[in-house]
Each structure stands twice: as C-alpha cells, then as structure tokens.
Amino acid sequence: MQRYYEKGNVQLFCGNNLEILDNLEKESVDMIFADPPYKLSNDGITCHSGKIVSVNKGSWDKSLGIDEDFEFHKKWINACKRVLKPNGTIWISGTYHSIYACGFVLQQSGFKILNDICWFKPNASPNMSCRYFTASHETIIWAKKDNNSKHIFNYEVMKNGSWEEDFLKKPKKQMRSVWAIGTPKTSEKVFGKHPTQKPLELLRRIILSSTNRDDLILDPFTGSSTTGIMALMLGRKFIGIDIEQEYLSLSVKRFEQLLSKKEV
C-alpha cells in the first residue's frame, strides 16, 4: 500500500478507500470524520457566489440509484468500523440526500448513535429555483462503535471553550446540538477548494469534543483535508484517503504551508 504523501503525523493515500481501509491495522483509529459523496450531481443547478452554476461535482458524486447508493454507504461504514478502536467514535456529515441512509447503516452495523448535530450555516447560498426552502444546514451524526463502549466526550471544553463565532453558544452553558458556523473562509481556499469543503471551525469543534492529544484521526473521503489540517493544528495524528489526485494535491499544499509555519 503506497502512500501518496507522508510527513510528520500525516499520511495521505490515493485510491479506493475500501481497499486502503482493508490494509490498515484493525482497531487502530481513535476517531473518524467522514463526508461521503451526497450523490447530488444530477445535471441540475445551484448557487455559488451569487451566480447560477452546475450542481455537478464529478463522477464520484453521481447517484447510481437508491439501492446501489445504500450499498456504497454500507461498505465504507463497515470498513471504517473494522479500523475503529473499541472506544472510538465516527462522525458522518451529509444532507437529506445521504444522511438518512448513513444513519440506518450505522444502526444496522451495531453502532450506537450519540447525537445528530445540526450545522447551521448563517451565510448559506440562496435557493435559485424559489421552489424550496433555502437549504441552510447539514446534519452530522455522531456515533460510538457499540452500545457498551465508553467514548470520549470532553464536556468541559465544549461548555467553557472559546466559541465566539457561534452566536448560538451561550458562555458557560452546555454545548447544544445546533451549531452556527459559517462556510469556509477565503483564507482556507488559497490553493483552491473542494466542492464540499468543510470549514476549519467545524472540525475544530468535532476534534476537540471527541479526541485527546496524539490520537489518530481518519478521514476516508479527505478531499482537501480540512480534517487533517485541524488535526495537525490540535496535536493529533491523521490518515486521509481520497480517490481524486487533484484534491490530494491540494491537501499536500495545505499541509506544507502549515508545517512550514510550525518549523519557524
């Protein structure tokens, strides 16, 4: 299994994530964040920067039908379960097009769902057709490996941490399951962007809530590796997998920039 990139606490792999996951050590990963394809590339339109653009993102995002899409989620989730430590947790992000299938697979596979997070986007793009409510949130499922496992939850960090960007979070109050976090900032896209790129602030909260320093984090759909960038910033280790070399190249540029700053 050849690595696409390896430096310090970061490893990137290019290829089919099922094959790569099968070659990773069993029960070796502390936390998984997965942002699987939403299967939305159906020749429709969407809005980007106030302009009407094609919704198509690539062949990897095309739906093959309900049954085949469900099997896709079933395969990668079970492959992830094999490498997850007994007390590890998984986070899966999605819209209504994919998240319900992922939630059902998690339950089928013996995971225990801990929370569903509503990631509210205050700066979400408008709906161009004016035939639907404006989609301004994504759902993130958080689950532990089974009902008996003892998962990590850094309660005090979530309650008393610094979350100034989130106007919904009240100081010194419990962290609730609705998070107001804007979409990625311009500074996060200096080398280009992934079409479903997540903001660093979202991953900061996820990683701080459910991992400890030096833990190993895996992203099986790493894209531009926002998960890995934040993992490295917070002193964690990271493994990222993606089938698209274009986005792994973008990931490498982001890691090299971050690592060069750390060396100064």
Protein backbone atom coordinates (compact mmCIF):
# COMPACT_ATOMS: atom_id res chain seq x y z
CA MET A 1 0.00 0.00 0.00
CA GLN A 2 1.83 3.06 -1.28
CA ARG A 3 1.38 6.41 0.43
CA TYR A 4 0.66 9.48 -1.67
CA TYR A 5 2.19 11.75 0.99
CA GLU A 6 3.76 11.26 4.40
CA LYS A 7 5.28 13.85 6.66
CA GLY A 8 5.36 14.03 10.44
CA ASN A 9 2.00 12.90 11.78
CA VAL A 10 0.25 13.00 8.39
CA GLN A 11 -0.34 10.16 5.91
CA LEU A 12 -2.34 10.50 2.68
CA PHE A 13 -3.41 7.63 0.42
CA CYS A 14 -4.78 7.84 -3.11
CA GLY A 15 -7.18 5.14 -4.28
CA ASN A 16 -10.28 3.15 -3.44
CA ASN A 17 -10.93 3.68 0.26
CA LEU A 18 -12.29 0.15 0.75
CA GLU A 19 -9.01 -1.36 -0.43
CA ILE A 20 -6.90 1.04 1.63
CA LEU A 21 -9.04 0.62 4.77
CA ASP A 22 -8.69 -3.15 4.41
CA ASN A 23 -4.91 -2.72 4.67
CA LEU A 24 -4.96 -0.52 7.77
CA GLU A 25 -4.43 -2.10 11.16
CA LYS A 26 -7.58 -3.34 12.86
CA GLU A 27 -8.83 -1.19 15.76
CA SER A 28 -6.08 1.41 15.30
CA VAL A 29 -8.05 4.65 14.82
CA ASP A 30 -9.42 6.83 17.63
CA MET A 31 -11.88 8.91 15.62
CA ILE A 32 -13.27 9.04 12.09
CA PHE A 33 -14.77 12.03 10.32
CA ALA A 34 -16.45 11.14 7.04
CA ASP A 35 -18.02 13.44 4.49
CA PRO A 36 -19.14 10.91 1.87
CA PRO A 37 -20.49 11.92 -1.56
CA TYR A 38 -24.05 13.24 -1.29
CA LYS A 39 -24.84 11.82 -4.77
CA LEU A 40 -26.19 15.16 -5.99
CA SER A 41 -24.52 15.52 -9.40
CA ASN A 42 -27.69 15.17 -11.47
CA ASP A 43 -27.19 17.92 -14.09
CA GLY A 44 -29.14 20.43 -12.02
CA ILE A 45 -28.17 23.95 -10.91
CA THR A 46 -27.05 25.55 -7.67
CA CYS A 47 -25.78 28.91 -6.44
CA HIS A 48 -22.15 29.85 -5.89
CA SER A 49 -21.01 33.39 -5.05
CA GLY A 50 -24.37 34.72 -6.22
CA LYS A 51 -24.19 33.01 -9.61
CA ILE A 52 -26.10 30.07 -11.08
CA VAL A 53 -23.69 27.18 -11.64
CA SER A 54 -23.94 23.48 -12.43
CA VAL A 55 -24.51 21.23 -9.43
CA ASN A 56 -22.23 18.55 -10.95
CA LYS A 57 -19.08 17.92 -8.91
CA GLY A 58 -17.66 14.83 -10.61
CA SER A 59 -18.39 11.21 -11.45
CA TRP A 60 -17.75 10.31 -7.80
CA ASP A 61 -20.87 12.27 -6.81
CA LYS A 62 -23.34 10.74 -9.30
CA SER A 63 -26.16 8.64 -7.88
CA LEU A 64 -26.43 5.03 -9.05
CA GLY A 65 -29.92 4.65 -7.62
CA ILE A 66 -31.24 4.18 -4.09
CA ASP A 67 -30.19 0.56 -3.70
CA GLU A 68 -26.64 0.95 -5.03
CA ASP A 69 -26.10 4.19 -3.11
CA PHE A 70 -27.18 2.39 0.07
CA GLU A 71 -24.74 -0.46 -0.60
CA PHE A 72 -21.99 2.10 -1.14
CA HIS A 73 -22.60 3.58 2.32
CA LYS A 74 -22.88 0.13 3.88
CA LYS A 75 -19.49 -0.95 2.53
CA TRP A 76 -17.45 2.06 3.59
CA ILE A 77 -19.09 2.35 7.02
CA ASN A 78 -18.37 -1.31 7.81
CA ALA A 79 -14.80 -0.92 6.54
CA CYS A 80 -14.41 2.02 8.91
CA LYS A 81 -15.82 0.05 11.82
CA ARG A 82 -13.06 -2.54 11.46
CA VAL A 83 -10.29 0.04 11.95
CA LEU A 84 -12.03 1.99 14.72
CA LYS A 85 -10.84 1.35 18.28
CA PRO A 86 -13.40 -0.19 20.68
CA ASN A 87 -13.92 3.19 22.38
CA GLY A 88 -13.64 5.22 19.19
CA THR A 89 -16.35 7.31 17.53
CA ILE A 90 -17.38 8.23 14.00
CA TRP A 91 -18.83 11.48 12.67
CA ILE A 92 -20.68 11.49 9.34
CA SER A 93 -21.76 14.67 7.58
CA GLY A 94 -24.49 14.88 4.98
CA THR A 95 -27.67 16.44 3.64
CA TYR A 96 -31.05 14.74 3.46
CA HIS A 97 -29.94 13.09 0.21
CA SER A 98 -27.49 10.83 2.07
CA ILE A 99 -27.59 11.21 5.84
CA TYR A 100 -30.64 9.04 6.49
CA ALA A 101 -29.10 6.12 4.60
CA CYS A 102 -25.89 6.55 6.61
CA GLY A 103 -27.83 6.64 9.87
CA PHE A 104 -29.69 3.45 9.00
CA VAL A 105 -26.44 1.69 8.08
CA LEU A 106 -24.88 2.76 11.39
CA GLN A 107 -27.76 1.18 13.29
CA GLN A 108 -27.68 -1.95 11.15
CA SER A 109 -23.95 -2.28 11.79
CA GLY A 110 -24.26 -2.12 15.58
CA PHE A 111 -23.15 1.46 16.16
CA LYS A 112 -24.84 3.49 18.90
CA ILE A 113 -25.89 6.95 17.70
CA LEU A 114 -24.93 9.56 20.30
CA ASN A 115 -26.17 12.78 18.68
CA ASP A 116 -27.28 14.29 15.44
CA ILE A 117 -25.78 17.75 15.07
CA CYS A 118 -27.48 20.47 13.05
CA TRP A 119 -24.70 22.52 11.45
CA PHE A 120 -26.49 25.79 10.70
CA LYS A 121 -24.82 27.96 8.03
CA PRO A 122 -25.68 31.64 8.64
CA ASN A 123 -24.22 32.55 5.23
CA ALA A 124 -25.80 29.73 3.20
CA SER A 125 -26.40 30.28 -0.52
CA PRO A 126 -29.98 31.05 -1.63
CA ASN A 127 -32.21 28.56 -3.41
CA MET A 128 -32.17 29.53 -7.09
CA SER A 129 -35.38 27.78 -8.14
CA CYS A 130 -37.52 29.52 -5.49
CA ARG A 131 -39.46 26.25 -5.24
CA TYR A 132 -37.95 25.02 -1.96
CA PHE A 133 -36.91 26.33 1.44
CA THR A 134 -33.32 27.57 1.36
CA ALA A 135 -31.04 24.73 2.45
CA SER A 136 -29.09 26.31 5.31
CA HIS A 137 -27.90 23.33 7.34
CA GLU A 138 -26.25 19.93 7.19
CA THR A 139 -26.74 17.06 9.60
CA ILE A 140 -23.77 15.42 11.28
CA ILE A 141 -24.28 12.08 13.02
CA TRP A 142 -22.00 11.19 15.92
CA ALA A 143 -21.89 7.50 16.89
CA LYS A 144 -19.82 5.13 19.02
CA LYS A 145 -18.78 1.66 17.96
CA ASP A 146 -21.35 -0.22 20.01
CA ASN A 147 -23.73 0.24 22.91
CA ASN A 148 -21.24 -0.93 25.54
CA SER A 149 -18.19 1.12 24.54
CA LYS A 150 -17.06 4.10 26.61
CA HIS A 151 -16.49 7.01 24.26
CA ILE A 152 -14.54 10.23 24.76
CA PHE A 153 -16.52 13.41 25.30
CA ASN A 154 -14.62 16.47 26.51
CA TYR A 155 -17.58 18.07 28.23
CA GLU A 156 -15.77 20.92 29.97
CA VAL A 157 -14.03 22.00 26.76
CA MET A 158 -17.38 22.16 24.98
CA LYS A 159 -19.07 24.01 27.82
CA ASN A 160 -16.36 26.52 28.67
CA GLY A 161 -14.25 26.72 25.50
CA SER A 162 -13.85 29.67 23.16
CA TRP A 163 -16.67 29.65 20.57
CA GLU A 164 -17.06 33.36 19.77
CA GLU A 165 -18.03 32.76 16.13
CA ASP A 166 -21.13 30.80 17.15
CA PHE A 167 -23.85 33.25 18.23
CA LEU A 168 -25.99 30.33 19.48
CA LYS A 169 -23.43 29.16 22.07
CA LYS A 170 -24.02 30.81 25.45
CA PRO A 171 -20.93 31.29 27.67
CA LYS A 172 -20.51 28.66 30.41
CA LYS A 173 -23.61 26.77 29.24
CA GLN A 174 -23.76 23.22 27.88
CA MET A 175 -22.93 22.87 24.20
CA ARG A 176 -26.17 22.18 22.35
CA SER A 177 -26.67 20.17 19.18
CA VAL A 178 -27.27 23.17 16.87
CA TRP A 179 -24.04 24.85 15.81
CA ALA A 180 -23.91 28.15 13.90
CA ILE A 181 -20.70 28.06 11.86
CA GLY A 182 -20.09 29.83 8.57
CA THR A 183 -18.88 28.16 5.39
CA PRO A 184 -15.10 28.05 4.66
CA LYS A 185 -13.31 31.40 4.74
CA THR A 186 -11.34 32.76 1.80
CA SER A 187 -8.10 32.10 3.73
CA GLU A 188 -8.97 28.38 3.78
CA LYS A 189 -9.12 28.23 -0.03
CA VAL A 190 -5.88 29.96 -1.06
CA PHE A 191 -4.72 26.90 -3.05
CA GLY A 192 -8.16 26.16 -4.49
CA LYS A 193 -11.16 24.47 -2.96
CA HIS A 194 -13.02 21.20 -2.82
CA PRO A 195 -16.70 21.45 -3.88
CA THR A 196 -17.89 20.14 -0.49
CA GLN A 197 -15.12 21.65 1.64
CA LYS A 198 -15.88 21.99 5.34
CA PRO A 199 -14.80 24.97 7.48
CA LEU A 200 -11.88 24.55 9.86
CA GLU A 201 -14.02 25.80 12.74
CA LEU A 202 -16.46 22.90 12.30
CA LEU A 203 -13.65 20.36 12.51
CA ARG A 204 -12.08 22.16 15.46
CA ARG A 205 -15.22 21.58 17.49
CA ILE A 206 -15.60 17.97 16.39
CA ILE A 207 -11.97 17.06 17.11
CA LEU A 208 -11.80 18.87 20.46
CA SER A 209 -15.04 17.27 21.63
CA SER A 210 -14.18 13.64 20.94
CA THR A 211 -10.41 13.13 20.89
CA ASN A 212 -7.33 13.73 23.02
CA ARG A 213 -3.88 14.97 22.04
CA ASP A 214 -1.85 12.42 19.99
CA ASP A 215 -5.00 10.49 18.99
CA LEU A 216 -5.19 9.13 15.44
CA ILE A 217 -7.94 10.59 13.23
CA LEU A 218 -9.05 9.11 9.91
CA ASP A 219 -10.94 10.74 7.04
CA PRO A 220 -11.88 8.21 4.30
CA PHE A 221 -13.10 10.98 1.94
CA THR A 222 -10.42 13.51 2.78
CA GLY A 223 -10.83 15.88 -0.19
CA SER A 224 -8.75 18.97 0.59
CA SER A 225 -8.06 17.56 4.09
CA THR A 226 -9.69 20.13 6.34
CA THR A 227 -9.95 17.33 8.91
CA GLY A 228 -6.23 16.69 8.69
CA ILE A 229 -5.25 20.36 8.83
CA MET A 230 -7.20 20.85 12.04
CA ALA A 231 -5.99 17.52 13.46
CA LEU A 232 -2.40 18.68 12.98
CA MET A 233 -3.15 22.11 14.45
CA LEU A 234 -4.54 20.44 17.57
CA GLY A 235 -1.69 17.97 18.04
CA ARG A 236 -3.39 14.87 16.65
CA LYS A 237 -2.22 12.34 14.03
CA PHE A 238 -4.00 11.95 10.71
CA ILE A 239 -4.69 9.48 7.90
CA GLY A 240 -6.56 10.73 4.83
CA ILE A 241 -7.85 8.78 1.83
CA ASP A 242 -9.24 10.08 -1.45
CA ILE A 243 -9.74 8.71 -4.94
CA GLU A 244 -9.11 12.06 -6.64
CA GLN A 245 -5.44 13.01 -7.03
CA GLU A 246 -6.44 16.60 -7.80
CA TYR A 247 -7.73 17.10 -4.27
CA LEU A 248 -4.87 15.23 -2.63
CA SER A 249 -2.50 17.60 -4.42
CA LEU A 250 -4.45 20.48 -2.89
CA SER A 251 -4.20 18.75 0.51
CA VAL A 252 -0.42 18.50 0.23
CA LYS A 253 -0.12 22.24 -0.45
CA ARG A 254 -2.19 22.96 2.65
CA PHE A 255 -0.10 20.62 4.82
CA GLU A 256 3.17 22.00 3.51
CA GLN A 257 2.03 25.54 4.30
CA LEU A 258 1.03 24.56 7.84
CA LEU A 259 4.16 22.53 8.51
CA SER A 260 6.41 25.34 7.27
CA LYS A 261 4.79 27.69 9.78
CA LYS A 262 5.35 25.17 12.57
CA GLU A 263 9.04 24.97 11.71
CA VAL A 264 9.57 28.74 12.01
